[in-house]
């Protein structure tokens, strides 16, 4: 049995890939591939990141593989029952969570306990583009309000995410370089110019015209999104479910309009962007030599001569207010629909409870009546025992069978 473990990296279309895999599970099974659900995220989030976080949490407490096997027994059982030889697991967070060779080795030991072969799939994105996208993600996660001002040496998470040499070198030493499937996140590099077709191609699947194509998700916020969500974060509002369901999904739907409104495209300080390009140049060159020796550069050279910084919303145009109004209307509409759905569910439960209560009351009355009849019959049997009273009592019990209570 072979496992294809997709580890991102972050901001390389992972949500689209995960939604695609989940939507097409039945079609994948026809080709002997399986996408597990026992380790899936909640609701309509279709990644396996909870598995990565739980594994890392356990790893900080123990290194006993028996405990890991027990904690993830549902995954093991699901894989045994699926009747497929190839399993796809997708969790981009595992790349930065398991950030040491020792952790990666434990991860390998756990996987090899279940699978015969393990392939690691990783997409690499131009570090400047990745940094810009991560600025948006930091606002969505409420992890760093001034992420776009951080230089690489100040940005611990970026040191892990963007150091592709370290990512590939460590995993190559443990999983084997021959088991690394390294792809470039660039439309010009994708198989047939499409990310999903590229992923399918990379795991040796055949493209099926019946495949469902999900809508794009988790795109970079525009300036309106940056400004609004930054201010919402300062209030630290109560979350009923999670940040994604309570806040972020509304921004994803309404505040990612940079393609429609280019003047709303988020552009961090030029000096900071250039620092990321320079900082990871050596790492990128190592990756090029090891995995893409036919290319002159791993990523096309960035020309920043015409780069325009745009990280503050300095002017409110009339159409911006329309976008904000649409954003508010979306929240009201969605929340009201949720309330209506909950009220409908409550009414259904009340109707069921009312029926059960009435049924229970009627049943109780019948039982009381039958108890009275049995009691009277037993008294009469005692009085007429010498005339065969107990025989008649047994006949009375026999007649009461029709009530089935």
Protein backbone atom coordinates (compact mmCIF):
# COMPACT_ATOMS: atom_id res chain seq x y z
CA UNK A 1 0.00 0.00 0.00
CA UNK A 2 1.31 3.43 -1.00
CA UNK A 3 0.68 6.75 0.75
CA UNK A 4 0.88 10.02 -1.16
CA UNK A 5 1.41 12.65 1.54
CA UNK A 6 0.81 16.17 0.23
CA UNK A 7 2.58 18.65 2.55
CA UNK A 8 1.78 21.93 0.80
CA UNK A 9 3.58 24.20 1.07
CA UNK A 10 1.11 26.75 2.39
CA UNK A 11 -0.50 29.14 -0.11
CA UNK A 12 -0.04 26.82 -3.09
CA UNK A 13 -3.69 26.06 -3.83
CA UNK A 14 -3.93 23.49 -1.06
CA UNK A 15 -7.60 24.28 -0.27
CA UNK A 16 -8.56 23.76 -3.91
CA UNK A 17 -6.69 20.44 -4.04
CA UNK A 18 -8.26 19.24 -0.79
CA UNK A 19 -11.78 20.24 -1.82
CA UNK A 20 -11.25 18.51 -5.16
CA UNK A 21 -10.08 15.28 -3.50
CA UNK A 22 -13.02 15.27 -1.09
CA UNK A 23 -15.65 16.06 -3.73
CA UNK A 24 -14.39 13.26 -6.00
CA UNK A 25 -13.76 10.53 -3.42
CA UNK A 26 -16.02 8.01 -5.16
CA UNK A 27 -14.41 8.58 -8.57
CA UNK A 28 -10.95 8.29 -7.03
CA UNK A 29 -11.91 4.96 -5.48
CA UNK A 30 -12.75 3.61 -8.92
CA UNK A 31 -9.07 4.16 -9.75
CA UNK A 32 -7.95 2.47 -6.51
CA UNK A 33 -7.18 5.76 -4.68
CA UNK A 34 -8.67 6.79 -1.35
CA UNK A 35 -8.94 10.13 0.50
CA UNK A 36 -9.57 9.45 4.25
CA UNK A 37 -12.27 11.26 6.21
CA UNK A 38 -11.50 10.08 9.76
CA UNK A 39 -8.75 12.73 10.00
CA UNK A 40 -10.62 15.40 8.01
CA UNK A 41 -11.16 18.91 9.33
CA UNK A 42 -14.59 20.07 10.53
CA UNK A 43 -17.51 21.21 8.38
CA UNK A 44 -16.64 22.05 4.80
CA UNK A 45 -12.91 22.28 5.46
CA UNK A 46 -11.58 19.20 3.72
CA UNK A 47 -7.92 19.18 4.73
CA UNK A 48 -6.16 16.72 7.06
CA UNK A 49 -4.46 19.42 9.15
CA UNK A 50 -6.03 18.21 12.44
CA UNK A 51 -3.95 15.05 11.96
CA UNK A 52 -0.76 17.15 11.67
CA UNK A 53 -1.57 19.21 14.76
CA UNK A 54 -2.53 16.19 16.85
CA UNK A 55 0.60 14.32 15.78
CA UNK A 56 2.79 17.29 16.71
CA UNK A 57 1.03 17.69 20.08
CA UNK A 58 1.54 14.01 20.89
CA UNK A 59 5.14 14.22 19.77
CA UNK A 60 5.76 16.93 22.35
CA UNK A 61 4.56 14.51 25.04
CA UNK A 62 5.78 11.07 23.98
CA UNK A 63 7.78 9.18 21.36
CA UNK A 64 6.03 5.85 21.93
CA UNK A 65 4.68 4.70 18.56
CA UNK A 66 2.18 2.42 20.29
CA UNK A 67 0.47 5.49 21.73
CA UNK A 68 0.38 7.12 18.30
CA UNK A 69 -1.14 3.97 16.80
CA UNK A 70 -3.81 3.93 19.49
CA UNK A 71 -4.63 7.63 19.04
CA UNK A 72 -4.97 7.23 15.27
CA UNK A 73 -6.65 3.82 15.25
CA UNK A 74 -9.66 5.25 13.37
CA UNK A 75 -7.38 6.17 10.48
CA UNK A 76 -5.79 2.74 10.53
CA UNK A 77 -9.19 1.03 10.55
CA UNK A 78 -10.52 3.25 7.77
CA UNK A 79 -7.55 2.47 5.55
CA UNK A 80 -7.93 -1.26 6.16
CA UNK A 81 -11.62 -1.11 5.20
CA UNK A 82 -11.30 1.06 2.08
CA UNK A 83 -10.05 -1.71 -0.25
CA UNK A 84 -7.72 0.69 -2.05
CA UNK A 85 -3.98 0.37 -2.49
CA UNK A 86 -3.19 4.08 -2.75
CA UNK A 87 -4.03 6.62 -0.06
CA UNK A 88 -3.81 10.41 -0.46
CA UNK A 89 -3.27 12.54 2.66
CA UNK A 90 -3.17 16.33 2.34
CA UNK A 91 -2.04 18.64 5.17
CA UNK A 92 0.08 21.68 4.45
CA UNK A 93 0.58 22.52 8.13
CA UNK A 94 2.79 19.47 8.60
CA UNK A 95 5.61 21.24 6.74
CA UNK A 96 6.08 23.93 9.40
CA UNK A 97 4.84 21.96 12.43
CA UNK A 98 7.35 19.12 12.03
CA UNK A 99 10.30 21.48 11.83
CA UNK A 100 13.16 19.23 12.88
CA UNK A 101 14.75 16.07 11.52
CA UNK A 102 13.82 14.20 14.67
CA UNK A 103 10.12 15.05 14.30
CA UNK A 104 10.18 14.13 10.62
CA UNK A 105 11.81 10.80 11.49
CA UNK A 106 9.04 9.98 13.98
CA UNK A 107 6.49 10.92 11.33
CA UNK A 108 8.16 8.54 8.88
CA UNK A 109 8.24 5.75 11.49
CA UNK A 110 4.52 6.18 12.12
CA UNK A 111 3.60 6.16 8.42
CA UNK A 112 5.80 3.18 7.53
CA UNK A 113 4.00 1.23 10.27
CA UNK A 114 0.83 1.56 8.14
CA UNK A 115 2.11 1.86 4.56
CA UNK A 116 4.61 -0.05 2.45
CA UNK A 117 5.66 2.97 0.39
CA UNK A 118 5.48 6.71 1.09
CA UNK A 119 5.64 9.50 -1.47
CA UNK A 120 5.93 13.13 -0.39
CA UNK A 121 4.30 15.71 -2.68
CA UNK A 122 5.31 19.34 -2.26
CA UNK A 123 4.62 22.48 -4.27
CA UNK A 124 7.11 25.35 -4.11
CA UNK A 125 6.05 28.95 -4.70
CA UNK A 126 8.10 32.04 -5.52
CA UNK A 127 9.13 33.34 -2.08
CA UNK A 128 8.05 36.94 -2.76
CA UNK A 129 4.57 35.79 -3.81
CA UNK A 130 4.43 33.44 -0.83
CA UNK A 131 5.32 36.29 1.53
CA UNK A 132 2.56 38.53 0.13
CA UNK A 133 0.01 35.73 0.47
CA UNK A 134 1.19 34.97 4.01
CA UNK A 135 0.59 38.63 4.94
CA UNK A 136 -3.06 38.02 4.12
CA UNK A 137 -3.11 34.72 6.02
CA UNK A 138 -1.62 36.37 9.11
CA UNK A 139 -4.57 38.80 9.20
CA UNK A 140 -7.04 35.93 8.71
CA UNK A 141 -5.41 33.98 11.55
CA UNK A 142 -5.07 37.10 13.74
CA UNK A 143 -1.49 36.05 14.37
CA UNK A 144 0.44 39.17 13.36
CA UNK A 145 -1.04 42.57 12.45
CA UNK A 146 2.24 43.91 11.03
CA UNK A 147 3.44 40.77 9.25
CA UNK A 148 4.11 42.80 6.09
CA UNK A 149 6.79 44.78 7.92
CA UNK A 150 8.73 41.71 9.09
CA UNK A 151 12.07 40.99 7.46
CA UNK A 152 13.07 37.32 7.00
CA UNK A 153 15.45 37.29 9.96
CA UNK A 154 12.52 38.46 12.15
CA UNK A 155 10.00 36.00 10.70
CA UNK A 156 10.43 32.55 12.26
CA UNK A 157 7.51 31.00 10.41
CA UNK A 158 8.77 32.25 7.06
CA UNK A 159 12.21 30.80 7.77
CA UNK A 160 10.55 27.38 7.84
CA UNK A 161 8.03 27.87 5.04
CA UNK A 162 10.37 29.46 2.51
CA UNK A 163 13.58 27.54 3.18
CA UNK A 164 12.91 24.95 0.48
CA UNK A 165 16.41 23.54 0.75
CA UNK A 166 15.85 22.56 4.37
CA UNK A 167 12.35 21.23 3.65
CA UNK A 168 13.56 18.94 0.86
CA UNK A 169 16.95 18.02 2.26
CA UNK A 170 15.57 16.79 5.59
CA UNK A 171 12.73 14.83 4.02
CA UNK A 172 14.99 13.46 1.31
CA UNK A 173 17.39 12.07 3.90
CA UNK A 174 14.55 10.34 5.78
CA UNK A 175 11.99 9.37 3.11
CA UNK A 176 14.52 9.05 0.29
CA UNK A 177 15.08 11.65 -2.43
CA UNK A 178 13.51 9.29 -4.97
CA UNK A 179 10.25 9.49 -2.98
CA UNK A 180 9.99 13.29 -3.20
CA UNK A 181 7.61 14.63 -5.84
CA UNK A 182 8.58 18.29 -6.19
CA UNK A 183 6.37 20.62 -8.25
CA UNK A 184 6.55 24.36 -8.93
CA UNK A 185 3.49 26.47 -8.16
CA UNK A 186 3.34 28.36 -11.42
CA UNK A 187 0.70 28.14 -14.14
CA UNK A 188 3.42 27.90 -16.77
CA UNK A 189 4.83 24.86 -14.96
CA UNK A 190 1.54 23.03 -14.33
CA UNK A 191 0.62 20.00 -16.40
CA UNK A 192 -1.70 21.40 -19.10
CA UNK A 193 -1.59 24.75 -17.29
CA UNK A 194 -3.92 23.62 -14.51
CA UNK A 195 -3.12 23.00 -10.83
CA UNK A 196 -5.65 20.19 -10.31
CA UNK A 197 -4.59 18.37 -13.47
CA UNK A 198 -0.99 18.80 -12.36
CA UNK A 199 -1.72 17.21 -8.99
CA UNK A 200 -3.61 14.32 -10.59
CA UNK A 201 -0.70 13.80 -12.98
CA UNK A 202 1.84 13.86 -10.12
CA UNK A 203 0.14 10.96 -8.29
CA UNK A 204 -0.30 8.87 -11.47
CA UNK A 205 -4.07 9.24 -11.61
CA UNK A 206 -6.02 9.57 -14.84
CA UNK A 207 -8.09 12.68 -15.39
CA UNK A 208 -11.83 11.94 -15.45
CA UNK A 209 -14.13 14.42 -17.21
CA UNK A 210 -16.72 13.63 -14.53
CA UNK A 211 -14.50 15.17 -11.84
CA UNK A 212 -16.19 18.02 -9.96
CA UNK A 213 -14.15 21.24 -9.94
CA UNK A 214 -14.45 23.24 -6.68
CA UNK A 215 -14.53 27.02 -6.53
CA UNK A 216 -11.31 28.77 -5.56
CA UNK A 217 -10.92 29.49 -1.86
CA UNK A 218 -8.64 31.25 0.59
CA UNK A 219 -7.35 33.82 -1.88
CA UNK A 220 -5.34 36.87 -0.83
CA UNK A 221 -7.37 39.68 0.73
CA UNK A 222 -7.65 43.01 -1.04
CA UNK A 223 -6.98 46.30 0.77
CA UNK A 224 -10.59 46.59 1.97
CA UNK A 225 -10.28 43.12 3.47
CA UNK A 226 -6.98 44.01 5.14
CA UNK A 227 -8.38 47.19 6.67
CA UNK A 228 -11.68 45.70 7.85
CA UNK A 229 -10.33 42.45 9.27
CA UNK A 230 -7.43 44.22 11.00
CA UNK A 231 -9.94 46.37 12.85
CA UNK A 232 -12.24 43.44 13.66
CA UNK A 233 -9.26 41.56 15.11
CA UNK A 234 -8.58 44.40 17.55
CA UNK A 235 -12.00 43.82 19.15
CA UNK A 236 -11.17 40.13 19.62
CA UNK A 237 -14.84 39.10 19.12
CA UNK A 238 -16.31 35.93 20.60
CA UNK A 239 -16.15 32.95 18.24
CA UNK A 240 -19.05 30.50 18.33
CA UNK A 241 -17.52 27.86 16.02
CA UNK A 242 -14.14 29.02 14.74
CA UNK A 243 -12.47 32.03 13.13
CA UNK A 244 -13.06 30.56 9.69
CA UNK A 245 -16.81 29.94 10.03
CA UNK A 246 -17.59 33.01 12.15
CA UNK A 247 -15.50 35.62 10.34
CA UNK A 248 -12.98 34.60 7.69
CA UNK A 249 -15.33 32.94 5.19
CA UNK A 250 -17.22 36.24 4.78
CA UNK A 251 -13.96 38.01 3.93
CA UNK A 252 -13.01 35.23 1.52
CA UNK A 253 -16.30 35.69 -0.32
CA UNK A 254 -16.39 39.47 -0.39
CA UNK A 255 -12.90 40.93 0.06
CA UNK A 256 -10.67 39.19 -2.49
CA UNK A 257 -11.38 41.46 -5.45
CA UNK A 258 -7.87 42.56 -6.44
CA UNK A 259 -8.27 41.10 -9.94
CA UNK A 260 -11.47 43.06 -10.46
CA UNK A 261 -10.06 46.20 -8.82
CA UNK A 262 -6.27 46.25 -9.41
CA UNK A 263 -5.89 49.41 -7.31
CA UNK A 264 -7.01 47.32 -4.30
CA UNK A 265 -4.21 44.77 -4.74
CA UNK A 266 -2.14 44.47 -1.57
CA UNK A 267 1.55 45.28 -2.15
CA UNK A 268 3.89 45.23 0.91
CA UNK A 269 6.89 47.58 1.24
CA UNK A 270 9.30 47.10 -1.66
CA UNK A 271 12.35 46.86 0.57
CA UNK A 272 10.78 44.03 2.59
CA UNK A 273 9.77 42.09 -0.53
CA UNK A 274 13.31 42.38 -1.93
CA UNK A 275 14.76 41.13 1.36
CA UNK A 276 12.86 37.82 1.00
CA UNK A 277 14.09 37.35 -2.56
CA UNK A 278 17.70 37.90 -1.48
CA UNK A 279 17.47 35.94 1.78
CA UNK A 280 16.32 32.69 0.14
CA UNK A 281 18.30 32.97 -3.11
CA UNK A 282 20.93 30.43 -2.02
CA UNK A 283 18.27 27.96 -0.85
CA UNK A 284 16.44 28.23 -4.18
CA UNK A 285 19.64 27.67 -6.12
CA UNK A 286 20.30 24.44 -4.18
CA UNK A 287 16.78 23.21 -5.04
CA UNK A 288 17.30 24.08 -8.70
CA UNK A 289 20.51 22.08 -8.91
CA UNK A 290 19.04 19.06 -7.11
CA UNK A 291 15.59 18.85 -8.70
CA UNK A 292 15.45 21.18 -11.73
CA UNK A 293 18.95 21.16 -13.26
CA UNK A 294 17.50 21.92 -16.70
CA UNK A 295 16.30 25.35 -15.53
CA UNK A 296 18.44 28.48 -15.34
CA UNK A 297 16.59 29.69 -12.25
CA UNK A 298 14.11 28.02 -9.93
CA UNK A 299 11.72 30.97 -10.30
CA UNK A 300 11.71 33.77 -12.89
CA UNK A 301 13.81 36.76 -11.81
CA UNK A 302 11.69 39.49 -10.19
CA UNK A 303 11.95 42.95 -11.70
CA UNK A 304 11.00 45.37 -8.92
CA UNK A 305 11.82 48.52 -10.87
CA UNK A 306 8.13 49.20 -11.50
CA UNK A 307 6.90 47.82 -8.18
CA UNK A 308 4.36 50.07 -6.43
CA UNK A 309 3.80 49.76 -2.72
CA UNK A 310 0.12 49.56 -1.76
CA UNK A 311 -0.50 48.41 1.79
CA UNK A 312 -2.74 51.18 3.15
CA UNK A 313 -6.23 52.19 2.06
CA UNK A 314 -5.70 55.93 1.68
CA UNK A 315 -8.89 56.80 -0.20
CA UNK A 316 -12.49 55.61 0.09
CA UNK A 317 -14.15 55.57 -3.32
CA UNK A 318 -17.95 55.27 -3.68
CA UNK A 319 -17.72 51.72 -5.04
CA UNK A 320 -15.84 50.66 -1.91
CA UNK A 321 -18.90 51.42 0.18
CA UNK A 322 -20.91 49.16 -2.13
CA UNK A 323 -18.45 46.33 -1.44
CA UNK A 324 -18.73 46.91 2.31
CA UNK A 325 -22.54 46.95 2.04
CA UNK A 326 -22.44 43.62 0.16
CA UNK A 327 -20.17 42.25 2.88
CA UNK A 328 -22.62 43.25 5.65
CA UNK A 329 -25.61 41.95 3.67
CA UNK A 330 -23.86 38.60 3.25
CA UNK A 331 -23.34 38.31 7.01
CA UNK A 332 -26.98 39.21 7.77
CA UNK A 333 -28.34 36.83 5.12
CA UNK A 334 -26.14 33.92 6.22
CA UNK A 335 -26.74 34.39 9.95
CA UNK A 336 -30.51 34.74 9.45
CA UNK A 337 -30.53 31.55 7.38
CA UNK A 338 -28.61 29.78 10.15
CA UNK A 339 -31.15 31.01 12.71
CA UNK A 340 -34.04 29.83 10.52
CA UNK A 341 -32.41 26.42 10.02
CA UNK A 342 -31.93 26.10 13.79
CA UNK A 343 -35.55 27.11 14.49
CA UNK A 344 -36.77 24.53 11.98
CA UNK A 345 -34.64 21.87 13.65
CA UNK A 346 -35.93 22.86 17.09
CA UNK A 347 -39.54 22.65 15.84
CA UNK A 348 -38.92 19.15 14.45
CA UNK A 349 -37.44 18.05 17.77
CA UNK A 350 -40.37 19.58 19.67
CA UNK A 351 -42.84 17.72 17.45
CA UNK A 352 -41.03 14.45 18.09
CA UNK A 353 -40.92 15.12 21.81
CA UNK A 354 -44.62 15.99 21.87
CA UNK A 355 -45.51 12.74 20.10
CA UNK A 356 -43.33 10.70 22.45
CA UNK A 357 -44.89 12.42 25.48
CA UNK A 358 -48.44 11.76 24.26
CA UNK A 359 -47.56 8.19 23.34
CA UNK A 360 -45.99 7.68 26.74
CA UNK A 361 -49.09 9.05 28.53
CA UNK A 362 -51.47 6.82 26.57
CA UNK A 363 -49.25 3.83 27.16
CA UNK A 364 -49.19 4.59 30.88
CA UNK A 365 -53.02 4.71 31.01
CA UNK A 366 -53.30 1.36 29.27
CA UNK A 367 -50.70 -0.17 31.56
CA UNK A 368 -52.57 1.12 34.62
CA UNK A 369 -55.83 -0.33 33.32
CA UNK A 370 -54.19 -3.69 32.64
CA UNK A 371 -52.62 -3.71 36.09
CA UNK A 372 -56.06 -3.14 37.61
CA UNK A 373 -57.56 -6.01 35.58
CA UNK A 374 -54.73 -8.35 36.55
CA UNK A 375 -55.12 -7.38 40.19
CA UNK A 376 -58.86 -8.07 40.15
CA UNK A 377 -58.30 -11.40 38.41
CA UNK A 378 -55.69 -12.42 41.00
CA UNK A 379 -58.05 -11.54 43.90
CA UNK A 380 -60.82 -13.57 42.32
CA UNK A 381 -58.43 -16.49 41.77
CA UNK A 382 -57.50 -16.46 45.46
CA UNK A 383 -61.16 -16.58 46.46
CA UNK A 384 -62.04 -19.42 44.10
CA UNK A 385 -58.86 -21.44 44.13
CA UNK A 386 -60.77 -24.56 45.06
CA UNK A 387 -62.95 -24.12 41.93
CA UNK A 388 -59.99 -23.78 39.57
CA UNK A 389 -59.58 -20.02 40.06
CA UNK A 390 -55.87 -20.01 39.13
CA UNK A 391 -56.62 -21.78 35.86
CA UNK A 392 -59.05 -18.97 34.99
CA UNK A 393 -56.36 -16.42 36.02
CA UNK A 394 -53.96 -17.88 33.46
CA UNK A 395 -56.65 -17.52 30.80
CA UNK A 396 -57.06 -13.83 31.77
CA UNK A 397 -53.32 -13.25 31.27
CA UNK A 398 -53.53 -15.00 27.90
CA UNK A 399 -56.32 -12.63 26.77
CA UNK A 400 -54.23 -9.55 27.69
CA UNK A 401 -51.49 -10.52 25.22
CA UNK A 402 -53.20 -8.50 22.48
CA UNK A 403 -52.13 -5.25 24.15
CA UNK A 404 -48.45 -6.11 23.56
CA UNK A 405 -47.21 -3.99 26.46
